[in-house]
Amino acid sequence: MSLKKSLRNQLATTLLSSAVGLAASFSVMAAEQTYVTIGTGGQTGVYYVVGQSICRLVNRGTEEHGVKCTAPSTGGSVANINAIRQGQQDMGLAQSDWQNYALEGTTHESFIAQGPFTDLRAMFAVHNEPFTVVARTDSGVETFDDLVGKRVNLQNPGSGTRGTMEVLMDLKGWTRDSFKLAGELKASEQAQALCDNKIDVMIYSVGHPSGAIKEATTSCAAKVIPVEGEVIDKLIAENAYYAPAIIKGGMYEGTDKDVKTFGNAATMVTSANVSADTVYLVVKSVFDNFDRFKKLHPAFENLDPKEMIANGLSAPLHEGAIRYYKEQGWM
């Protein structure tokens, strides 16, 4: 064999070995990358902003830690919890009341059918969510009790708002027949329906300021309605995950004075089956960049980390979250 041919063969062998090694490296890298899905809510709601914001912070470090995060729009609290339970999502946003109901297996038919979700785990709470009722000014609705006989959008099945409304309806002795129309539009659809005069009232458990509420109150004559009275007072007194809430006057057109209502906290939840390292990484991405996170939506402005890991959490904290909080000296 000539020297030139021998050198060619050696070069080919070297290149082949390098290619195989490089392919193996890429294969290992692909295998090591972790994909995290966070369920949110309607695209006009704050849940969607929370999920997108968390993923933005996680994905800033993907090249370093190998975790890629996505936060699609979903049906909301109940849908997110059920998707986590079924392994279709890793994490999700849920109202604090629905976190409790899922853990105990009560209230919602899907939670009752499946039984207590004992593997449900909390990560942290986020913003407060007042239960918000918006009515057309020509509807004659001035109080929550005035909803009877009106065209009311109850929101889509699976949303936390729909679930809370059903709790209130049960306490009030109302059924779907109590309304002239009981709509099931998604959160993102109801502002337009209100201004198109297809419904009289829209409801939304949401952080403020809310894009959906702004859309409704600037596109047509509408106002925020108080939700108060003996039934509400009893609900708050008997359930630690509810609290009185105020929607500030002047925040929305047509509502100049403060409006009394009640609310809960938006919480990040996951399953005990999600790895501690993954949960730790997501929690770390948020709190290591907390000043940046707070600037991503006005509803985050007054968040306090120590309150976020204590308030509104019915389910046990995930071990990955606990690890981070202990490192920070918060526990």
Protein backbone atom coordinates (compact mmCIF):
# COMPACT_ATOMS: atom_id res chain seq x y z
CA MET A 1 0.00 0.00 0.00
CA SER A 2 1.36 3.42 -0.94
CA LEU A 3 2.15 5.98 1.73
CA LYS A 4 -0.47 8.37 0.28
CA LYS A 5 -3.18 5.69 0.39
CA SER A 6 -2.21 4.71 3.91
CA LEU A 7 -2.47 8.33 5.05
CA ARG A 8 -5.88 8.64 3.38
CA ASN A 9 -7.13 5.55 5.17
CA GLN A 10 -5.85 6.83 8.52
CA LEU A 11 -7.51 10.21 7.93
CA ALA A 12 -10.81 8.54 6.99
CA THR A 13 -10.68 6.38 10.09
CA THR A 14 -9.95 9.40 12.27
CA LEU A 15 -12.80 11.40 10.73
CA LEU A 16 -15.21 8.48 11.11
CA SER A 17 -14.26 8.04 14.76
CA SER A 18 -14.70 11.76 15.38
CA ALA A 19 -18.10 11.76 13.69
CA VAL A 20 -19.24 8.77 15.73
CA GLY A 21 -17.99 10.40 18.91
CA LEU A 22 -19.66 13.70 18.05
CA ALA A 23 -22.95 11.96 17.26
CA ALA A 24 -22.76 10.11 20.55
CA SER A 25 -22.14 13.39 22.36
CA PHE A 26 -25.16 15.00 20.72
CA SER A 27 -27.21 11.91 21.58
CA VAL A 28 -26.22 12.18 25.25
CA MET A 29 -26.98 15.91 25.25
CA ALA A 30 -30.42 15.29 23.73
CA ALA A 31 -31.11 12.56 26.23
CA GLU A 32 -30.05 14.80 29.12
CA GLN A 33 -32.27 17.74 28.12
CA THR A 34 -35.40 17.98 30.25
CA TYR A 35 -38.65 19.46 28.98
CA VAL A 36 -41.02 21.10 31.46
CA THR A 37 -44.61 22.03 30.65
CA ILE A 38 -46.44 24.57 32.82
CA GLY A 39 -50.23 24.78 32.42
CA THR A 40 -51.56 28.34 32.57
CA GLY A 41 -55.01 29.71 31.61
CA GLY A 42 -56.57 31.98 29.01
CA GLN A 43 -54.20 34.20 27.03
CA THR A 44 -55.76 37.41 28.39
CA GLY A 45 -55.36 36.30 32.02
CA VAL A 46 -52.49 36.67 34.47
CA TYR A 47 -51.94 32.88 34.69
CA TYR A 48 -50.69 32.95 31.12
CA VAL A 49 -48.30 35.78 31.98
CA VAL A 50 -47.06 33.90 35.07
CA GLY A 51 -46.31 30.74 33.10
CA GLN A 52 -44.66 32.61 30.23
CA SER A 53 -42.60 34.66 32.70
CA ILE A 54 -41.37 31.60 34.58
CA CYS A 55 -40.44 29.85 31.35
CA ARG A 56 -38.60 32.93 30.14
CA LEU A 57 -36.44 32.87 33.27
CA VAL A 58 -35.87 29.10 33.04
CA ASN A 59 -34.99 29.22 29.35
CA ARG A 60 -32.38 31.95 29.88
CA GLY A 61 -30.18 29.21 31.36
CA THR A 62 -31.14 26.24 29.15
CA GLU A 63 -27.64 25.89 27.65
CA GLU A 64 -26.24 25.60 31.17
CA HIS A 65 -28.78 23.37 32.92
CA GLY A 66 -30.50 21.59 29.99
CA VAL A 67 -34.09 22.39 31.01
CA LYS A 68 -36.46 23.73 28.33
CA CYS A 69 -39.75 25.21 29.52
CA THR A 70 -43.05 25.80 27.71
CA ALA A 71 -46.26 27.34 29.10
CA PRO A 72 -49.25 26.78 26.81
CA SER A 73 -52.68 28.34 27.32
CA THR A 74 -55.05 25.89 29.05
CA GLY A 75 -58.52 25.69 30.57
CA GLY A 76 -57.30 26.90 33.98
CA SER A 77 -57.02 25.59 37.54
CA VAL A 78 -59.01 22.37 37.47
CA ALA A 79 -57.77 21.42 34.01
CA ASN A 80 -54.17 22.02 35.10
CA ILE A 81 -54.45 19.93 38.25
CA ASN A 82 -56.03 17.04 36.35
CA ALA A 83 -53.38 17.24 33.62
CA ILE A 84 -50.63 17.12 36.26
CA ARG A 85 -52.28 14.13 37.91
CA GLN A 86 -52.44 12.31 34.56
CA GLY A 87 -48.82 13.12 33.71
CA GLN A 88 -49.75 15.39 30.79
CA GLN A 89 -48.22 18.48 32.43
CA ASP A 90 -45.36 18.80 34.91
CA MET A 91 -46.58 21.92 36.68
CA GLY A 92 -49.42 24.41 36.52
CA LEU A 93 -51.20 27.41 38.00
CA ALA A 94 -54.21 26.82 40.22
CA GLN A 95 -56.34 28.83 42.59
CA SER A 96 -55.58 28.14 46.24
CA ASP A 97 -59.12 26.84 46.85
CA TRP A 98 -58.86 24.30 44.03
CA GLN A 99 -55.48 23.17 45.27
CA ASN A 100 -57.23 22.29 48.54
CA TYR A 101 -60.23 20.61 46.87
CA ALA A 102 -57.97 18.46 44.66
CA LEU A 103 -55.84 17.39 47.62
CA GLU A 104 -58.94 16.30 49.53
CA GLY A 105 -60.86 14.95 46.53
CA THR A 106 -63.92 17.13 47.10
CA THR A 107 -66.20 19.74 45.50
CA HIS A 108 -65.46 19.22 41.79
CA GLU A 109 -66.91 16.11 40.14
CA SER A 110 -63.56 15.12 38.60
CA PHE A 111 -61.79 15.41 41.97
CA ILE A 112 -64.52 13.38 43.66
CA ALA A 113 -64.39 10.69 40.96
CA GLN A 114 -60.60 10.34 41.21
CA GLY A 115 -60.38 10.64 44.97
CA PRO A 116 -57.81 12.66 46.95
CA PHE A 117 -54.76 13.72 44.91
CA THR A 118 -52.26 12.79 47.63
CA ASP A 119 -49.26 13.35 45.33
CA LEU A 120 -50.21 16.99 44.71
CA ARG A 121 -47.40 19.31 45.77
CA ALA A 122 -47.13 23.07 46.11
CA MET A 123 -44.21 25.15 44.86
CA PHE A 124 -45.16 28.72 45.78
CA ALA A 125 -48.03 31.19 45.70
CA VAL A 126 -48.01 34.13 43.33
CA HIS A 127 -50.48 37.04 43.15
CA ASN A 128 -53.85 37.49 44.83
CA GLU A 129 -56.93 36.86 42.68
CA PRO A 130 -60.09 38.78 43.57
CA PHE A 131 -63.32 37.20 42.33
CA THR A 132 -64.35 39.86 39.83
CA VAL A 133 -67.83 40.47 38.43
CA VAL A 134 -68.24 42.91 35.53
CA ALA A 135 -71.69 43.93 34.26
CA ARG A 136 -72.96 46.08 31.43
CA THR A 137 -74.20 49.36 32.86
CA ASP A 138 -77.52 48.90 31.04
CA SER A 139 -78.09 45.43 32.56
CA GLY A 140 -79.58 46.64 35.83
CA VAL A 141 -76.99 44.64 37.81
CA GLU A 142 -75.81 46.53 40.89
CA THR A 143 -75.16 43.68 43.36
CA PHE A 144 -74.17 40.01 43.11
CA ASP A 145 -77.75 38.91 43.85
CA ASP A 146 -78.90 40.83 40.76
CA LEU A 147 -77.30 38.14 38.57
CA VAL A 148 -80.48 36.06 38.90
CA GLY A 149 -82.46 36.25 35.66
CA LYS A 150 -79.54 37.75 33.71
CA ARG A 151 -77.31 36.46 30.94
CA VAL A 152 -74.23 35.37 32.86
CA ASN A 153 -71.05 33.79 31.53
CA LEU A 154 -70.03 31.13 34.06
CA GLN A 155 -66.75 30.51 32.18
CA ASN A 156 -65.57 27.23 30.72
CA PRO A 157 -65.72 23.94 32.66
CA GLY A 158 -62.25 23.26 34.08
CA SER A 159 -61.48 26.85 34.97
CA GLY A 160 -60.99 27.87 38.58
CA THR A 161 -63.41 30.76 38.09
CA ARG A 162 -66.15 28.37 36.97
CA GLY A 163 -65.49 26.18 39.99
CA THR A 164 -65.64 29.08 42.44
CA MET A 165 -68.84 30.33 40.81
CA GLU A 166 -70.40 26.89 41.26
CA VAL A 167 -69.46 26.97 44.95
CA LEU A 168 -71.20 30.34 45.27
CA MET A 169 -74.24 29.12 43.31
CA ASP A 170 -74.57 26.16 45.67
CA LEU A 171 -74.38 28.42 48.72
CA LYS A 172 -76.95 30.77 47.19
CA GLY A 173 -79.27 27.93 46.15
CA TRP A 174 -78.89 28.90 42.48
CA THR A 175 -78.80 26.56 39.49
CA ARG A 176 -78.08 27.22 35.83
CA ASP A 177 -81.82 27.78 35.45
CA SER A 178 -81.53 30.77 37.79
CA PHE A 179 -80.08 32.71 34.87
CA LYS A 180 -81.64 33.77 31.60
CA LEU A 181 -78.45 32.44 29.98
CA ALA A 182 -75.65 30.41 31.59
CA GLY A 183 -72.70 30.87 29.22
CA GLU A 184 -69.55 28.74 29.06
CA LEU A 185 -67.24 31.06 27.14
CA LYS A 186 -63.52 30.99 27.90
CA ALA A 187 -61.97 33.88 29.81
CA SER A 188 -60.46 35.30 26.61
CA GLU A 189 -63.87 35.36 24.86
CA GLN A 190 -66.12 36.96 27.41
CA ALA A 191 -65.12 40.65 27.17
CA GLN A 192 -66.09 40.77 23.50
CA ALA A 193 -69.31 38.89 24.22
CA LEU A 194 -70.16 41.44 26.92
CA CYS A 195 -69.57 44.37 24.58
CA ASP A 196 -71.42 42.65 21.73
CA ASN A 197 -74.43 42.47 24.11
CA LYS A 198 -74.48 38.68 24.04
CA ILE A 199 -74.14 38.49 27.83
CA ASP A 200 -74.94 40.89 30.68
CA VAL A 201 -72.27 39.74 33.12
CA MET A 202 -68.77 38.26 32.98
CA ILE A 203 -66.90 36.80 35.95
CA TYR A 204 -63.19 36.23 36.44
CA SER A 205 -60.95 35.24 39.35
CA VAL A 206 -57.90 37.15 38.20
CA GLY A 207 -54.99 39.32 39.28
CA HIS A 208 -55.30 43.05 38.69
CA PRO A 209 -54.89 44.99 36.54
CA SER A 210 -56.36 42.47 34.11
CA GLY A 211 -56.23 42.84 30.34
CA ALA A 212 -59.62 41.14 30.00
CA ILE A 213 -61.30 43.51 32.45
CA LYS A 214 -59.67 46.51 30.77
CA GLU A 215 -60.89 45.27 27.40
CA ALA A 216 -64.47 45.02 28.66
CA THR A 217 -64.56 48.36 30.47
CA THR A 218 -62.90 50.37 27.70
CA SER A 219 -64.74 48.79 24.75
CA CYS A 220 -68.23 49.34 26.17
CA ALA A 221 -70.06 50.80 29.16
CA ALA A 222 -69.42 48.32 31.99
CA LYS A 223 -68.50 48.36 35.67
CA VAL A 224 -67.16 46.12 38.43
CA ILE A 225 -69.87 44.81 40.79
CA PRO A 226 -69.33 44.14 44.54
CA VAL A 227 -69.50 40.56 45.83
CA GLU A 228 -70.37 40.75 49.52
CA GLY A 229 -72.95 39.79 52.14
CA GLU A 230 -73.59 37.09 54.75
CA VAL A 231 -72.92 34.16 52.40
CA ILE A 232 -69.56 35.59 51.39
CA ASP A 233 -68.63 36.40 55.00
CA LYS A 234 -69.40 32.80 56.01
CA LEU A 235 -67.40 31.41 53.08
CA ILE A 236 -64.36 33.44 54.15
CA ALA A 237 -64.75 32.56 57.83
CA GLU A 238 -64.93 28.82 57.16
CA ASN A 239 -62.13 28.55 54.58
CA ALA A 240 -58.62 29.81 55.24
CA TYR A 241 -57.78 29.93 51.52
CA TYR A 242 -60.33 32.75 50.98
CA ALA A 243 -59.90 36.33 52.17
CA PRO A 244 -61.62 39.70 51.73
CA ALA A 245 -60.36 41.62 48.71
CA ILE A 246 -60.62 45.09 47.26
CA ILE A 247 -60.53 46.10 43.59
CA LYS A 248 -59.18 49.62 43.61
CA GLY A 249 -61.33 52.41 42.24
CA GLY A 250 -59.96 54.15 39.17
CA MET A 251 -58.22 51.04 37.90
CA TYR A 252 -60.94 50.50 35.29
CA GLU A 253 -63.19 52.89 33.41
CA GLY A 254 -66.69 53.06 34.90
CA THR A 255 -65.51 52.01 38.38
CA ASP A 256 -64.34 55.08 40.29
CA LYS A 257 -64.67 53.77 43.87
CA ASP A 258 -63.14 50.74 45.59
CA VAL A 259 -65.20 47.56 45.14
CA LYS A 260 -65.44 44.92 47.87
CA THR A 261 -65.20 41.24 46.98
CA PHE A 262 -63.27 38.17 48.13
CA GLY A 263 -60.46 36.17 46.62
CA ASN A 264 -57.72 33.62 46.86
CA ALA A 265 -54.12 33.20 45.74
CA ALA A 266 -52.77 31.92 42.48
CA THR A 267 -50.42 29.04 43.23
CA MET A 268 -47.84 26.99 41.35
CA VAL A 269 -48.42 23.26 41.84
CA THR A 270 -46.80 20.06 40.67
CA SER A 271 -46.69 16.35 41.53
CA ALA A 272 -44.46 14.40 43.88
CA ASN A 273 -43.58 12.35 40.77
CA VAL A 274 -41.75 15.32 39.18
CA SER A 275 -38.05 15.15 40.06
CA ALA A 276 -36.71 17.25 42.91
CA ASP A 277 -33.91 18.55 40.67
CA THR A 278 -36.39 19.85 38.09
CA VAL A 279 -38.60 21.57 40.66
CA TYR A 280 -35.52 23.02 42.37
CA LEU A 281 -34.30 24.44 39.05
CA VAL A 282 -37.64 26.10 38.24
CA VAL A 283 -37.96 27.60 41.74
CA LYS A 284 -34.35 28.79 41.63
CA SER A 285 -34.89 30.40 38.21
CA VAL A 286 -37.75 32.47 39.63
CA PHE A 287 -36.27 33.56 42.96
CA ASP A 288 -32.68 34.06 41.78
CA ASN A 289 -34.16 36.52 39.27
CA PHE A 290 -36.92 37.86 41.48
CA ASP A 291 -36.49 41.56 40.69
CA ARG A 292 -36.75 40.74 37.00
CA PHE A 293 -39.81 38.53 37.63
CA LYS A 294 -41.66 41.27 39.54
CA LYS A 295 -41.32 43.63 36.59
CA LEU A 296 -43.06 41.27 34.17
CA HIS A 297 -46.60 42.19 35.31
CA PRO A 298 -48.08 44.88 37.62
CA ALA A 299 -49.82 42.14 39.67
CA PHE A 300 -46.35 40.92 40.77
CA GLU A 301 -45.20 44.31 42.05
CA ASN A 302 -45.71 43.71 45.79
CA LEU A 303 -44.79 40.03 45.97
CA ASP A 304 -42.71 38.92 48.97
CA PRO A 305 -40.84 35.57 48.74
CA LYS A 306 -41.43 34.67 52.39
CA GLU A 307 -45.18 35.16 51.98
CA MET A 308 -45.19 33.26 48.68
CA ILE A 309 -43.91 30.07 50.32
CA ALA A 310 -46.41 30.20 53.20
CA ASN A 311 -49.72 31.73 52.13
CA GLY A 312 -52.43 29.91 50.20
CA LEU A 313 -50.65 26.55 50.12
CA SER A 314 -52.87 23.64 51.12
CA ALA A 315 -50.73 20.89 49.60
CA PRO A 316 -47.31 20.00 51.04
CA LEU A 317 -44.33 21.78 49.51
CA HIS A 318 -42.37 19.73 46.97
CA GLU A 319 -39.00 18.52 48.25
CA GLY A 320 -37.21 20.35 45.41
CA ALA A 321 -38.80 23.64 46.49
CA ILE A 322 -37.96 22.97 50.15
CA ARG A 323 -34.32 22.42 49.23
CA TYR A 324 -34.07 25.87 47.65
CA TYR A 325 -35.98 27.64 50.44
CA LYS A 326 -33.71 26.09 53.10
CA GLU A 327 -30.64 27.20 51.15
CA GLN A 328 -32.00 30.75 51.28
CA GLY A 329 -32.67 30.55 55.02
CA TRP A 330 -36.42 31.02 54.48
CA MET A 331 -37.28 27.78 56.25
